Amino acid sequence: MNPTSDFITQLEETPRLRSAASLRSLSRIREALEAMPEQSALDEPVCISLQDALVVMSQLMARLR
């Protein structure tokens, strides 16, 4: 199993980890967005970590199920 799949599996199997990871990821994403100039274009790219993207993606997919 690769590290990405292992991380997603841990998120799905451990509610406390999922909860803590979600709060940390959303905080980091919010910081990245707040660091952007207010006049930025809506399609301006924002760099986030793969881990943060995986946490948000897994939360969204869980809500769609």
PDB file of N, CA and C in Angstrom:
ATOM      1  N   MET A   1       0.855  -1.178   0.000  1.00  0.00           N
ATOM      2  CA  MET A   1       0.000   0.000   0.000  1.00  0.00           C
ATOM      3  C   MET A   1       0.904   1.245   0.000  1.00  0.00           C
ATOM      4  N   ASN A   2       0.578   2.220  -0.820  1.00  0.00           N
ATOM      5  CA  ASN A   2       1.389   3.426  -0.867  1.00  0.00           C
ATOM      6  C   ASN A   2       0.983   4.391   0.259  1.00  0.00           C
ATOM      7  N   PRO A   3       1.816   5.370   0.586  1.00  0.00           N
ATOM      8  CA  PRO A   3       1.532   6.280   1.706  1.00  0.00           C
ATOM      9  C   PRO A   3       0.214   7.044   1.553  1.00  0.00           C
ATOM     10  N   THR A   4      -0.153   7.412   0.341  1.00  0.00           N
ATOM     11  CA  THR A   4      -1.399   8.145   0.120  1.00  0.00           C
ATOM     12  C   THR A   4      -2.606   7.276   0.458  1.00  0.00           C
ATOM     13  N   SER A   5      -2.613   6.041  -0.040  1.00  0.00           N
ATOM     14  CA  SER A   5      -3.712   5.119   0.247  1.00  0.00           C
ATOM     15  C   SER A   5      -3.776   4.793   1.737  1.00  0.00           C
ATOM     16  N   ASP A   6      -2.618   4.623   2.345  1.00  0.00           N
ATOM     17  CA  ASP A   6      -2.564   4.337   3.774  1.00  0.00           C
ATOM     18  C   ASP A   6      -3.150   5.490   4.580  1.00  0.00           C
ATOM     19  N   PHE A   7      -2.819   6.718   4.213  1.00  0.00           N
ATOM     20  CA  PHE A   7      -3.332   7.896   4.913  1.00  0.00           C
ATOM     21  C   PHE A   7      -4.856   7.985   4.771  1.00  0.00           C
ATOM     22  N   ILE A   8      -5.366   7.773   3.567  1.00  0.00           N
ATOM     23  CA  ILE A   8      -6.824   7.824   3.347  1.00  0.00           C
ATOM     24  C   ILE A   8      -7.520   6.731   4.153  1.00  0.00           C
ATOM     25  N   THR A   9      -6.946   5.542   4.190  1.00  0.00           N
ATOM     26  CA  THR A   9      -7.522   4.444   4.964  1.00  0.00           C
ATOM     27  C   THR A   9      -7.562   4.800   6.449  1.00  0.00           C
ATOM     28  N   GLN A  10      -6.487   5.386   6.965  1.00  0.00           N
ATOM     29  CA  GLN A  10      -6.465   5.797   8.371  1.00  0.00           C
ATOM     30  C   GLN A  10      -7.532   6.847   8.648  1.00  0.00           C
ATOM     31  N   LEU A  11      -7.707   7.787   7.735  1.00  0.00           N
ATOM     32  CA  LEU A  11      -8.743   8.807   7.914  1.00  0.00           C
ATOM     33  C   LEU A  11     -10.129   8.177   7.975  1.00  0.00           C
ATOM     34  N   GLU A  12     -10.375   7.211   7.104  1.00  0.00           N
ATOM     35  CA  GLU A  12     -11.691   6.571   7.053  1.00  0.00           C
ATOM     36  C   GLU A  12     -11.958   5.702   8.275  1.00  0.00           C
ATOM     37  N   GLU A  13     -10.909   5.104   8.834  1.00  0.00           N
ATOM     38  CA  GLU A  13     -11.081   4.169   9.945  1.00  0.00           C
ATOM     39  C   GLU A  13     -10.980   4.803  11.329  1.00  0.00           C
ATOM     40  N   THR A  14     -10.461   6.025  11.419  1.00  0.00           N
ATOM     41  CA  THR A  14     -10.225   6.642  12.717  1.00  0.00           C
ATOM     42  C   THR A  14     -10.926   8.000  12.790  1.00  0.00           C
ATOM     43  N   PRO A  15     -12.113   8.043  13.372  1.00  0.00           N
ATOM     44  CA  PRO A  15     -12.864   9.310  13.438  1.00  0.00           C
ATOM     45  C   PRO A  15     -12.111  10.446  14.145  1.00  0.00           C
ATOM     46  N   ARG A  16     -11.377  10.132  15.206  1.00  0.00           N
ATOM     47  CA  ARG A  16     -10.639  11.188  15.925  1.00  0.00           C
ATOM     48  C   ARG A  16      -9.536  11.777  15.055  1.00  0.00           C
ATOM     49  N   LEU A  17      -8.851  10.925  14.316  1.00  0.00           N
ATOM     50  CA  LEU A  17      -7.816  11.397  13.395  1.00  0.00           C
ATOM     51  C   LEU A  17      -8.444  12.253  12.310  1.00  0.00           C
ATOM     52  N   ARG A  18      -9.561  11.787  11.759  1.00  0.00           N
ATOM     53  CA  ARG A  18     -10.251  12.526  10.701  1.00  0.00           C
ATOM     54  C   ARG A  18     -10.676  13.906  11.197  1.00  0.00           C
ATOM     55  N   SER A  19     -11.203  13.960  12.401  1.00  0.00           N
ATOM     56  CA  SER A  19     -11.654  15.228  12.968  1.00  0.00           C
ATOM     57  C   SER A  19     -10.493  16.191  13.178  1.00  0.00           C
ATOM     58  N   ALA A  20      -9.426  15.707  13.790  1.00  0.00           N
ATOM     59  CA  ALA A  20      -8.258  16.560  14.052  1.00  0.00           C
ATOM     60  C   ALA A  20      -7.599  16.999  12.739  1.00  0.00           C
ATOM     61  N   ALA A  21      -7.471  16.076  11.802  1.00  0.00           N
ATOM     62  CA  ALA A  21      -6.847  16.402  10.522  1.00  0.00           C
ATOM     63  C   ALA A  21      -7.684  17.420   9.754  1.00  0.00           C
ATOM     64  N   SER A  22      -8.997  17.315   9.851  1.00  0.00           N
ATOM     65  CA  SER A  22      -9.875  18.271   9.163  1.00  0.00           C
ATOM     66  C   SER A  22      -9.692  19.677   9.714  1.00  0.00           C
ATOM     67  N   LEU A  23      -9.665  19.796  11.024  1.00  0.00           N
ATOM     68  CA  LEU A  23      -9.487  21.124  11.626  1.00  0.00           C
ATOM     69  C   LEU A  23      -8.141  21.735  11.243  1.00  0.00           C
ATOM     70  N   ARG A  24      -7.086  20.927  11.317  1.00  0.00           N
ATOM     71  CA  ARG A  24      -5.753  21.444  10.959  1.00  0.00           C
ATOM     72  C   ARG A  24      -5.689  21.823   9.487  1.00  0.00           C
ATOM     73  N   SER A  25      -6.234  20.967   8.629  1.00  0.00           N
ATOM     74  CA  SER A  25      -6.190  21.236   7.188  1.00  0.00           C
ATOM     75  C   SER A  25      -6.976  22.488   6.837  1.00  0.00           C
ATOM     76  N   LEU A  26      -8.180  22.617   7.388  1.00  0.00           N
ATOM     77  CA  LEU A  26      -8.990  23.803   7.098  1.00  0.00           C
ATOM     78  C   LEU A  26      -8.324  25.071   7.617  1.00  0.00           C
ATOM     79  N   SER A  27      -7.640  24.977   8.744  1.00  0.00           N
ATOM     80  CA  SER A  27      -6.912  26.138   9.276  1.00  0.00           C
ATOM     81  C   SER A  27      -5.782  26.554   8.337  1.00  0.00           C
ATOM     82  N   ARG A  28      -5.030  25.558   7.850  1.00  0.00           N
ATOM     83  CA  ARG A  28      -3.927  25.878   6.928  1.00  0.00           C
ATOM     84  C   ARG A  28      -4.452  26.430   5.605  1.00  0.00           C
ATOM     85  N   ILE A  29      -5.550  25.871   5.098  1.00  0.00           N
ATOM     86  CA  ILE A  29      -6.136  26.374   3.852  1.00  0.00           C
ATOM     87  C   ILE A  29      -6.633  27.802   4.049  1.00  0.00           C
ATOM     88  N   ARG A  30      -7.273  28.058   5.184  1.00  0.00           N
ATOM     89  CA  ARG A  30      -7.750  29.409   5.473  1.00  0.00           C
ATOM     90  C   ARG A  30      -6.581  30.402   5.536  1.00  0.00           C
ATOM     91  N   GLU A  31      -5.484  30.012   6.186  1.00  0.00           N
ATOM     92  CA  GLU A  31      -4.303  30.876   6.247  1.00  0.00           C
ATOM     93  C   GLU A  31      -3.768  31.179   4.852  1.00  0.00           C
ATOM     94  N   ALA A  32      -3.736  30.158   3.998  1.00  0.00           N
ATOM     95  CA  ALA A  32      -3.246  30.359   2.628  1.00  0.00           C
ATOM     96  C   ALA A  32      -4.151  31.321   1.866  1.00  0.00           C
ATOM     97  N   LEU A  33      -5.461  31.191   2.068  1.00  0.00           N
ATOM     98  CA  LEU A  33      -6.398  32.085   1.379  1.00  0.00           C
ATOM     99  C   LEU A  33      -6.314  33.505   1.925  1.00  0.00           C
ATOM    100  N   GLU A  34      -6.151  33.642   3.233  1.00  0.00           N
ATOM    101  CA  GLU A  34      -6.041  34.980   3.825  1.00  0.00           C
ATOM    102  C   GLU A  34      -4.750  35.679   3.429  1.00  0.00           C
ATOM    103  N   ALA A  35      -3.726  34.911   3.073  1.00  0.00           N
ATOM    104  CA  ALA A  35      -2.455  35.503   2.647  1.00  0.00           C
ATOM    105  C   ALA A  35      -2.535  36.080   1.232  1.00  0.00           C
ATOM    106  N   MET A  36      -3.575  35.703   0.502  1.00  0.00           N
ATOM    107  CA  MET A  36      -3.750  36.215  -0.856  1.00  0.00           C
ATOM    108  C   MET A  36      -4.199  37.670  -0.801  1.00  0.00           C
ATOM    109  N   PRO A  37      -3.738  38.487  -1.739  1.00  0.00           N
ATOM    110  CA  PRO A  37      -4.222  39.872  -1.797  1.00  0.00           C
ATOM    111  C   PRO A  37      -5.734  39.897  -2.021  1.00  0.00           C
ATOM    112  N   GLU A  38      -6.386  40.862  -1.437  1.00  0.00           N
ATOM    113  CA  GLU A  38      -7.841  40.949  -1.522  1.00  0.00           C
ATOM    114  C   GLU A  38      -8.338  41.123  -2.951  1.00  0.00           C
ATOM    115  N   GLN A  39      -7.536  41.710  -3.793  1.00  0.00           N
ATOM    116  CA  GLN A  39      -7.936  41.975  -5.172  1.00  0.00           C
ATOM    117  C   GLN A  39      -7.543  40.842  -6.128  1.00  0.00           C
ATOM    118  N   SER A  40      -7.186  39.686  -5.609  1.00  0.00           N
ATOM    119  CA  SER A  40      -6.790  38.548  -6.455  1.00  0.00           C
ATOM    120  C   SER A  40      -7.962  38.081  -7.313  1.00  0.00           C
ATOM    121  N   ALA A  41      -7.631  37.573  -8.470  1.00  0.00           N
ATOM    122  CA  ALA A  41      -8.655  36.998  -9.342  1.00  0.00           C
ATOM    123  C   ALA A  41      -9.176  35.705  -8.721  1.00  0.00           C
ATOM    124  N   LEU A  42     -10.427  35.384  -9.007  1.00  0.00           N
ATOM    125  CA  LEU A  42     -11.020  34.178  -8.434  1.00  0.00           C
ATOM    126  C   LEU A  42     -10.361  32.900  -8.929  1.00  0.00           C
ATOM    127  N   ASP A  43      -9.699  32.952 -10.075  1.00  0.00           N
ATOM    128  CA  ASP A  43      -9.032  31.758 -10.590  1.00  0.00           C
ATOM    129  C   ASP A  43      -7.532  31.742 -10.267  1.00  0.00           C
ATOM    130  N   GLU A  44      -7.107  32.617  -9.378  1.00  0.00           N
ATOM    131  CA  GLU A  44      -5.704  32.659  -8.942  1.00  0.00           C
ATOM    132  C   GLU A  44      -5.383  31.379  -8.165  1.00  0.00           C
ATOM    133  N   PRO A  45      -4.297  30.685  -8.520  1.00  0.00           N
ATOM    134  CA  PRO A  45      -3.981  29.431  -7.818  1.00  0.00           C
ATOM    135  C   PRO A  45      -3.490  29.680  -6.387  1.00  0.00           C
ATOM    136  N   VAL A  46      -3.828  28.746  -5.515  1.00  0.00           N
ATOM    137  CA  VAL A  46      -3.377  28.758  -4.120  1.00  0.00           C
ATOM    138  C   VAL A  46      -2.726  27.411  -3.862  1.00  0.00           C
ATOM    139  N   CYS A  47      -1.522  27.420  -3.327  1.00  0.00           N
ATOM    140  CA  CYS A  47      -0.813  26.162  -3.063  1.00  0.00           C
ATOM    141  C   CYS A  47      -1.209  25.615  -1.696  1.00  0.00           C
ATOM    142  N   ILE A  48      -1.670  24.359  -1.691  1.00  0.00           N
ATOM    143  CA  ILE A  48      -1.933  23.653  -0.445  1.00  0.00           C
ATOM    144  C   ILE A  48      -1.222  22.309  -0.527  1.00  0.00           C
ATOM    145  N   SER A  49      -0.994  21.690   0.612  1.00  0.00           N
ATOM    146  CA  SER A  49      -0.285  20.410   0.616  1.00  0.00           C
ATOM    147  C   SER A  49      -1.196  19.291   0.114  1.00  0.00           C
ATOM    148  N   LEU A  50      -0.573  18.237  -0.360  1.00  0.00           N
ATOM    149  CA  LEU A  50      -1.325  17.071  -0.812  1.00  0.00           C
ATOM    150  C   LEU A  50      -2.116  16.489   0.349  1.00  0.00           C
ATOM    151  N   GLN A  51      -1.532  16.479   1.526  1.00  0.00           N
ATOM    152  CA  GLN A  51      -2.218  15.950   2.706  1.00  0.00           C
ATOM    153  C   GLN A  51      -3.504  16.728   2.984  1.00  0.00           C
ATOM    154  N   ASP A  52      -3.436  18.058   2.924  1.00  0.00           N
ATOM    155  CA  ASP A  52      -4.629  18.870   3.155  1.00  0.00           C
ATOM    156  C   ASP A  52      -5.691  18.611   2.083  1.00  0.00           C
ATOM    157  N   ALA A  53      -5.245  18.468   0.844  1.00  0.00           N
ATOM    158  CA  ALA A  53      -6.193  18.179  -0.240  1.00  0.00           C
ATOM    159  C   ALA A  53      -6.854  16.821  -0.029  1.00  0.00           C
ATOM    160  N   LEU A  54      -6.099  15.829   0.424  1.00  0.00           N
ATOM    161  CA  LEU A  54      -6.661  14.496   0.674  1.00  0.00           C
ATOM    162  C   LEU A  54      -7.679  14.519   1.806  1.00  0.00           C
ATOM    163  N   VAL A  55      -7.385  15.293   2.852  1.00  0.00           N
ATOM    164  CA  VAL A  55      -8.317  15.377   3.983  1.00  0.00           C
ATOM    165  C   VAL A  55      -9.630  15.997   3.527  1.00  0.00           C
ATOM    166  N   VAL A  56      -9.557  17.112   2.819  1.00  0.00           N
ATOM    167  CA  VAL A  56     -10.774  17.783   2.353  1.00  0.00           C
ATOM    168  C   VAL A  56     -11.527  16.902   1.360  1.00  0.00           C
ATOM    169  N   MET A  57     -10.798  16.263   0.449  1.00  0.00           N
ATOM    170  CA  MET A  57     -11.432  15.381  -0.523  1.00  0.00           C
ATOM    171  C   MET A  57     -12.155  14.222   0.159  1.00  0.00           C
ATOM    172  N   SER A  58     -11.521  13.615   1.155  1.00  0.00           N
ATOM    173  CA  SER A  58     -12.156  12.479   1.822  1.00  0.00           C
ATOM    174  C   SER A  58     -13.405  12.919   2.588  1.00  0.00           C
ATOM    175  N   GLN A  59     -13.382  14.117   3.156  1.00  0.00           N
ATOM    176  CA  GLN A  59     -14.563  14.643   3.849  1.00  0.00           C
ATOM    177  C   GLN A  59     -15.706  14.880   2.855  1.00  0.00           C
ATOM    178  N   LEU A  60     -15.395  15.474   1.728  1.00  0.00           N
ATOM    179  CA  LEU A  60     -16.418  15.735   0.719  1.00  0.00           C
ATOM    180  C   LEU A  60     -16.998  14.436   0.162  1.00  0.00           C
ATOM    181  N   MET A  61     -16.149  13.462  -0.098  1.00  0.00           N
ATOM    182  CA  MET A  61     -16.625  12.187  -0.637  1.00  0.00           C
ATOM    183  C   MET A  61     -17.494  11.461   0.386  1.00  0.00           C
ATOM    184  N   ALA A  62     -17.148  11.556   1.662  1.00  0.00           N
ATOM    185  CA  ALA A  62     -17.940  10.903   2.703  1.00  0.00           C
ATOM    186  C   ALA A  62     -19.334  11.524   2.779  1.00  0.00           C
ATOM    187  N   ARG A  63     -19.428  12.827   2.573  1.00  0.00           N
ATOM    188  CA  ARG A  63     -20.725  13.499   2.626  1.00  0.00           C
ATOM    189  C   ARG A  63     -21.595  13.177   1.404  1.00  0.00           C
ATOM    190  N   LEU A  64     -20.963  12.820   0.289  1.00  0.00           N
ATOM    191  CA  LEU A  64     -21.711  12.475  -0.912  1.00  0.00           C
ATOM    192  C   LEU A  64     -22.271  11.055  -0.867  1.00  0.00           C
ATOM    193  N   ARG A  65     -21.709  10.231  -0.015  1.00  0.00           N
ATOM    194  CA  ARG A  65     -22.164   8.823   0.067  1.00  0.00           C
ATOM    195  C   ARG A  65     -23.514   8.718   0.719  1.00  0.00           C
TER     196      ARG A  65
END
